[in-house]
Amino acid sequence: MEKTKFLMLLSLSKTNLAVGKKVLDTVKAKIDPAAAPLWIDSQGVGLFMESDLPAWQIWQHMKLEMPLDDWTAVKELLVLQIGPGWYARDNQTKAAAWMHARYPRETY
């Protein structure tokens, strides 16, 4: 069975790089060991991942796995399913390379 591809976007209400790193560690331990960060900084996280779980269960899993102190620093957590309908201005970026490896498309 093919896994579904997701992009998780997490925005933090407080500047806290440690929470971003914990999110990546949690995703790698509980959801997708091959999860690839698009970015991690003190204001948020963007992660590419694949899972058998639907988006709402990934979201719920993250809420249950994060300590309350870390969860209170979360401003927003979006789990977006991604697919073949994508376009990037620059095909040399990390995000475009990840997408192209999973959803090849013709170059325009």
N, C-alpha and C. Protein backbone atom coordinates (compact mmCIF):
# COMPACT_ATOMS: atom_id res chain seq x y z
N MET A 1 0.83 -1.19 0.00
CA MET A 1 0.00 0.00 0.00
C MET A 1 0.88 1.25 0.00
N GLU A 2 0.59 2.16 -0.90
CA GLU A 2 1.37 3.39 -1.00
C GLU A 2 0.97 4.37 0.10
N LYS A 3 1.95 4.97 0.71
CA LYS A 3 1.69 5.94 1.77
C LYS A 3 1.32 7.29 1.16
N THR A 4 0.57 8.05 1.93
CA THR A 4 0.16 9.39 1.52
C THR A 4 1.26 10.38 1.90
N LYS A 5 1.48 11.36 1.04
CA LYS A 5 2.48 12.38 1.28
C LYS A 5 1.84 13.58 1.95
N PHE A 6 2.53 14.16 2.93
CA PHE A 6 2.03 15.31 3.67
C PHE A 6 3.11 16.37 3.83
N LEU A 7 2.65 17.60 4.01
CA LEU A 7 3.50 18.69 4.44
C LEU A 7 2.90 19.18 5.76
N MET A 8 3.69 19.13 6.82
CA MET A 8 3.24 19.64 8.12
C MET A 8 3.84 21.03 8.30
N LEU A 9 2.99 21.99 8.61
CA LEU A 9 3.43 23.35 8.88
C LEU A 9 3.05 23.69 10.32
N LEU A 10 4.04 24.06 11.11
CA LEU A 10 3.81 24.38 12.51
C LEU A 10 4.35 25.78 12.76
N SER A 11 3.50 26.65 13.28
CA SER A 11 3.90 28.00 13.61
C SER A 11 3.90 28.13 15.13
N LEU A 12 4.95 28.74 15.66
CA LEU A 12 5.07 28.88 17.11
C LEU A 12 4.70 30.28 17.56
N SER A 13 3.99 30.38 18.68
CA SER A 13 3.58 31.68 19.19
C SER A 13 4.72 32.36 19.94
N LYS A 14 5.71 31.58 20.39
CA LYS A 14 6.89 32.13 21.06
C LYS A 14 8.11 31.68 20.26
N THR A 15 9.14 32.47 20.28
CA THR A 15 10.38 32.09 19.62
C THR A 15 11.02 30.96 20.42
N ASN A 16 11.10 29.75 19.81
CA ASN A 16 11.60 28.60 20.55
C ASN A 16 12.07 27.52 19.58
N LEU A 17 13.35 27.51 19.28
CA LEU A 17 13.92 26.54 18.36
C LEU A 17 13.82 25.12 18.93
N ALA A 18 13.90 24.96 20.24
CA ALA A 18 13.86 23.64 20.86
C ALA A 18 12.56 22.91 20.55
N VAL A 19 11.43 23.62 20.52
CA VAL A 19 10.15 22.99 20.21
C VAL A 19 10.16 22.48 18.77
N GLY A 20 10.70 23.26 17.85
CA GLY A 20 10.80 22.83 16.46
C GLY A 20 11.60 21.55 16.32
N LYS A 21 12.69 21.44 17.03
CA LYS A 21 13.52 20.23 16.98
C LYS A 21 12.77 19.04 17.58
N LYS A 22 12.02 19.28 18.65
CA LYS A 22 11.24 18.20 19.27
C LYS A 22 10.16 17.69 18.32
N VAL A 23 9.56 18.60 17.57
CA VAL A 23 8.54 18.20 16.59
C VAL A 23 9.16 17.27 15.56
N LEU A 24 10.32 17.64 15.02
CA LEU A 24 11.00 16.77 14.05
C LEU A 24 11.31 15.42 14.67
N ASP A 25 11.84 15.41 15.88
CA ASP A 25 12.17 14.15 16.55
C ASP A 25 10.93 13.28 16.75
N THR A 26 9.82 13.90 17.13
CA THR A 26 8.57 13.17 17.35
C THR A 26 8.05 12.57 16.05
N VAL A 27 8.06 13.36 14.98
CA VAL A 27 7.61 12.86 13.68
C VAL A 27 8.47 11.69 13.24
N LYS A 28 9.78 11.83 13.38
CA LYS A 28 10.68 10.74 12.96
C LYS A 28 10.48 9.49 13.81
N ALA A 29 10.20 9.65 15.10
CA ALA A 29 10.04 8.49 15.99
C ALA A 29 8.67 7.83 15.86
N LYS A 30 7.63 8.61 15.63
CA LYS A 30 6.27 8.09 15.71
C LYS A 30 5.52 7.99 14.38
N ILE A 31 5.94 8.77 13.37
CA ILE A 31 5.16 8.81 12.13
C ILE A 31 5.97 8.38 10.91
N ASP A 32 7.12 9.01 10.67
CA ASP A 32 7.91 8.71 9.48
C ASP A 32 9.39 8.91 9.77
N PRO A 33 10.14 7.82 9.92
CA PRO A 33 11.57 7.94 10.20
C PRO A 33 12.34 8.68 9.10
N ALA A 34 11.78 8.73 7.90
CA ALA A 34 12.44 9.40 6.78
C ALA A 34 11.93 10.83 6.57
N ALA A 35 11.19 11.37 7.52
CA ALA A 35 10.66 12.73 7.39
C ALA A 35 11.81 13.70 7.09
N ALA A 36 11.55 14.62 6.18
CA ALA A 36 12.58 15.57 5.75
C ALA A 36 12.15 16.99 6.08
N PRO A 37 12.96 17.70 6.85
CA PRO A 37 12.59 19.09 7.17
C PRO A 37 12.78 20.00 5.96
N LEU A 38 11.77 20.78 5.67
CA LEU A 38 11.89 21.84 4.68
C LEU A 38 12.59 23.02 5.34
N TRP A 39 12.22 23.30 6.60
CA TRP A 39 12.92 24.28 7.42
C TRP A 39 12.57 24.01 8.88
N ILE A 40 13.45 24.43 9.75
CA ILE A 40 13.22 24.45 11.19
C ILE A 40 13.90 25.71 11.69
N ASP A 41 13.14 26.56 12.33
CA ASP A 41 13.75 27.73 12.96
C ASP A 41 12.98 28.05 14.23
N SER A 42 13.30 29.16 14.85
CA SER A 42 12.70 29.49 16.15
C SER A 42 11.24 29.93 16.05
N GLN A 43 10.72 30.06 14.83
CA GLN A 43 9.33 30.49 14.67
C GLN A 43 8.44 29.41 14.10
N GLY A 44 9.03 28.28 13.68
CA GLY A 44 8.18 27.23 13.15
C GLY A 44 8.94 26.13 12.46
N VAL A 45 8.17 25.22 11.90
CA VAL A 45 8.72 24.02 11.27
C VAL A 45 7.91 23.72 10.01
N GLY A 46 8.59 23.23 8.99
CA GLY A 46 7.94 22.69 7.81
C GLY A 46 8.56 21.33 7.54
N LEU A 47 7.75 20.29 7.51
CA LEU A 47 8.26 18.93 7.34
C LEU A 47 7.52 18.22 6.22
N PHE A 48 8.27 17.55 5.37
CA PHE A 48 7.68 16.62 4.42
C PHE A 48 7.67 15.25 5.08
N MET A 49 6.57 14.52 4.95
CA MET A 49 6.49 13.18 5.52
C MET A 49 5.54 12.32 4.72
N GLU A 50 5.62 11.02 4.96
CA GLU A 50 4.71 10.06 4.35
C GLU A 50 4.14 9.21 5.47
N SER A 51 2.85 8.82 5.34
CA SER A 51 2.22 8.03 6.39
C SER A 51 1.01 7.28 5.87
N ASP A 52 0.67 6.21 6.57
CA ASP A 52 -0.58 5.49 6.32
C ASP A 52 -1.75 6.18 7.03
N LEU A 53 -1.44 7.07 7.95
CA LEU A 53 -2.47 7.76 8.73
C LEU A 53 -3.08 8.90 7.92
N PRO A 54 -4.36 9.21 8.14
CA PRO A 54 -4.93 10.41 7.52
C PRO A 54 -4.42 11.65 8.26
N ALA A 55 -4.58 12.81 7.65
CA ALA A 55 -4.06 14.06 8.20
C ALA A 55 -4.57 14.32 9.62
N TRP A 56 -5.85 14.09 9.89
CA TRP A 56 -6.39 14.39 11.22
C TRP A 56 -5.76 13.51 12.28
N GLN A 57 -5.39 12.28 11.95
CA GLN A 57 -4.76 11.41 12.94
C GLN A 57 -3.31 11.83 13.19
N ILE A 58 -2.63 12.31 12.16
CA ILE A 58 -1.28 12.83 12.36
C ILE A 58 -1.34 14.03 13.29
N TRP A 59 -2.28 14.93 13.05
CA TRP A 59 -2.46 16.12 13.90
C TRP A 59 -2.72 15.69 15.34
N GLN A 60 -3.65 14.76 15.52
CA GLN A 60 -4.01 14.28 16.86
C GLN A 60 -2.81 13.61 17.53
N HIS A 61 -2.06 12.84 16.77
CA HIS A 61 -0.89 12.15 17.29
C HIS A 61 0.13 13.17 17.80
N MET A 62 0.34 14.23 17.05
CA MET A 62 1.29 15.27 17.47
C MET A 62 0.82 15.94 18.75
N LYS A 63 -0.47 16.22 18.84
CA LYS A 63 -0.99 16.86 20.05
C LYS A 63 -0.79 15.98 21.27
N LEU A 64 -1.02 14.69 21.11
CA LEU A 64 -0.89 13.76 22.24
C LEU A 64 0.57 13.52 22.61
N GLU A 65 1.47 13.58 21.65
CA GLU A 65 2.89 13.29 21.89
C GLU A 65 3.65 14.49 22.46
N MET A 66 3.17 15.71 22.19
CA MET A 66 3.90 16.90 22.64
C MET A 66 3.57 17.21 24.09
N PRO A 67 4.59 17.50 24.92
CA PRO A 67 4.34 17.92 26.29
C PRO A 67 3.50 19.20 26.30
N LEU A 68 2.71 19.38 27.34
CA LEU A 68 1.81 20.54 27.43
C LEU A 68 2.56 21.86 27.27
N ASP A 69 3.74 21.98 27.88
CA ASP A 69 4.51 23.22 27.75
C ASP A 69 4.86 23.52 26.30
N ASP A 70 5.19 22.48 25.54
CA ASP A 70 5.50 22.68 24.13
C ASP A 70 4.24 22.99 23.33
N TRP A 71 3.15 22.29 23.63
CA TRP A 71 1.90 22.48 22.89
C TRP A 71 1.38 23.90 23.06
N THR A 72 1.59 24.50 24.25
CA THR A 72 1.11 25.87 24.45
C THR A 72 1.89 26.88 23.61
N ALA A 73 3.07 26.50 23.14
CA ALA A 73 3.86 27.38 22.27
C ALA A 73 3.41 27.30 20.82
N VAL A 74 2.53 26.35 20.50
CA VAL A 74 2.08 26.17 19.12
C VAL A 74 0.99 27.18 18.79
N LYS A 75 1.22 27.96 17.75
CA LYS A 75 0.23 28.92 17.27
C LYS A 75 -0.73 28.23 16.31
N GLU A 76 -0.18 27.43 15.40
CA GLU A 76 -0.99 26.71 14.42
C GLU A 76 -0.23 25.47 13.97
N LEU A 77 -0.96 24.41 13.74
CA LEU A 77 -0.40 23.17 13.22
C LEU A 77 -1.29 22.70 12.09
N LEU A 78 -0.76 22.72 10.88
CA LEU A 78 -1.49 22.28 9.69
C LEU A 78 -0.83 21.04 9.14
N VAL A 79 -1.63 20.05 8.79
CA VAL A 79 -1.14 18.86 8.12
C VAL A 79 -1.85 18.81 6.77
N LEU A 80 -1.09 19.02 5.70
CA LEU A 80 -1.64 19.14 4.37
C LEU A 80 -1.25 17.95 3.51
N GLN A 81 -2.24 17.30 2.90
CA GLN A 81 -1.95 16.22 1.96
C GLN A 81 -1.47 16.85 0.66
N ILE A 82 -0.41 16.30 0.10
CA ILE A 82 0.11 16.85 -1.14
C ILE A 82 0.06 15.80 -2.24
N GLY A 83 0.02 16.28 -3.47
CA GLY A 83 -0.10 15.37 -4.59
C GLY A 83 0.51 15.94 -5.85
N PRO A 84 0.10 15.42 -6.99
CA PRO A 84 0.75 15.77 -8.25
C PRO A 84 0.47 17.19 -8.76
N GLY A 85 -0.52 17.87 -8.23
CA GLY A 85 -0.83 19.22 -8.70
C GLY A 85 0.02 20.25 -8.01
N TRP A 86 1.26 20.41 -8.46
CA TRP A 86 2.16 21.36 -7.84
C TRP A 86 3.00 22.06 -8.90
N TYR A 87 3.56 23.18 -8.52
CA TYR A 87 4.46 23.91 -9.40
C TYR A 87 5.42 24.72 -8.53
N ALA A 88 6.66 24.78 -8.93
CA ALA A 88 7.66 25.58 -8.23
C ALA A 88 8.36 26.48 -9.22
N ARG A 89 8.62 27.69 -8.82
CA ARG A 89 9.31 28.65 -9.69
C ARG A 89 10.72 28.17 -9.98
N ASP A 90 11.38 27.62 -8.95
CA ASP A 90 12.76 27.17 -9.10
C ASP A 90 12.82 25.68 -8.78
N ASN A 91 13.09 24.86 -9.79
CA ASN A 91 13.14 23.41 -9.60
C ASN A 91 14.39 22.94 -8.89
N GLN A 92 15.27 23.84 -8.50
CA GLN A 92 16.50 23.46 -7.82
C GLN A 92 16.38 23.57 -6.30
N THR A 93 15.24 23.95 -5.79
CA THR A 93 15.08 24.09 -4.34
C THR A 93 14.88 22.72 -3.69
N LYS A 94 15.08 22.68 -2.39
CA LYS A 94 14.90 21.46 -1.62
C LYS A 94 13.46 20.95 -1.72
N ALA A 95 12.51 21.85 -1.61
CA ALA A 95 11.10 21.47 -1.68
C ALA A 95 10.75 20.92 -3.06
N ALA A 96 11.18 21.59 -4.10
CA ALA A 96 10.88 21.12 -5.46
C ALA A 96 11.54 19.77 -5.73
N ALA A 97 12.74 19.57 -5.23
CA ALA A 97 13.42 18.29 -5.42
C ALA A 97 12.65 17.17 -4.73
N TRP A 98 12.15 17.43 -3.53
CA TRP A 98 11.37 16.42 -2.79
C TRP A 98 10.09 16.10 -3.55
N MET A 99 9.40 17.13 -4.01
CA MET A 99 8.15 16.92 -4.75
C MET A 99 8.41 16.21 -6.07
N HIS A 100 9.42 16.62 -6.78
CA HIS A 100 9.70 16.03 -8.09
C HIS A 100 10.05 14.54 -7.96
N ALA A 101 10.73 14.17 -6.89
CA ALA A 101 11.09 12.76 -6.67
C ALA A 101 9.84 11.90 -6.47
N ARG A 102 8.78 12.49 -5.94
CA ARG A 102 7.55 11.76 -5.67
C ARG A 102 6.48 11.96 -6.73
N TYR A 103 6.47 13.14 -7.33
CA TYR A 103 5.48 13.49 -8.36
C TYR A 103 6.17 14.13 -9.54
N PRO A 104 6.88 13.35 -10.34
CA PRO A 104 7.58 13.94 -11.50
C PRO A 104 6.58 14.65 -12.42
N ARG A 105 7.03 15.72 -12.99
CA ARG A 105 6.21 16.45 -13.94
C ARG A 105 7.09 16.98 -15.05
N GLU A 106 6.47 17.35 -16.11
CA GLU A 106 7.22 17.90 -17.23
C GLU A 106 7.74 19.28 -16.86
N THR A 107 8.89 19.64 -17.40
CA THR A 107 9.43 20.98 -17.20
C THR A 107 8.78 21.90 -18.21
N TYR A 108 8.36 23.06 -17.78
CA TYR A 108 7.68 24.02 -18.65
C TYR A 108 8.67 25.02 -19.18
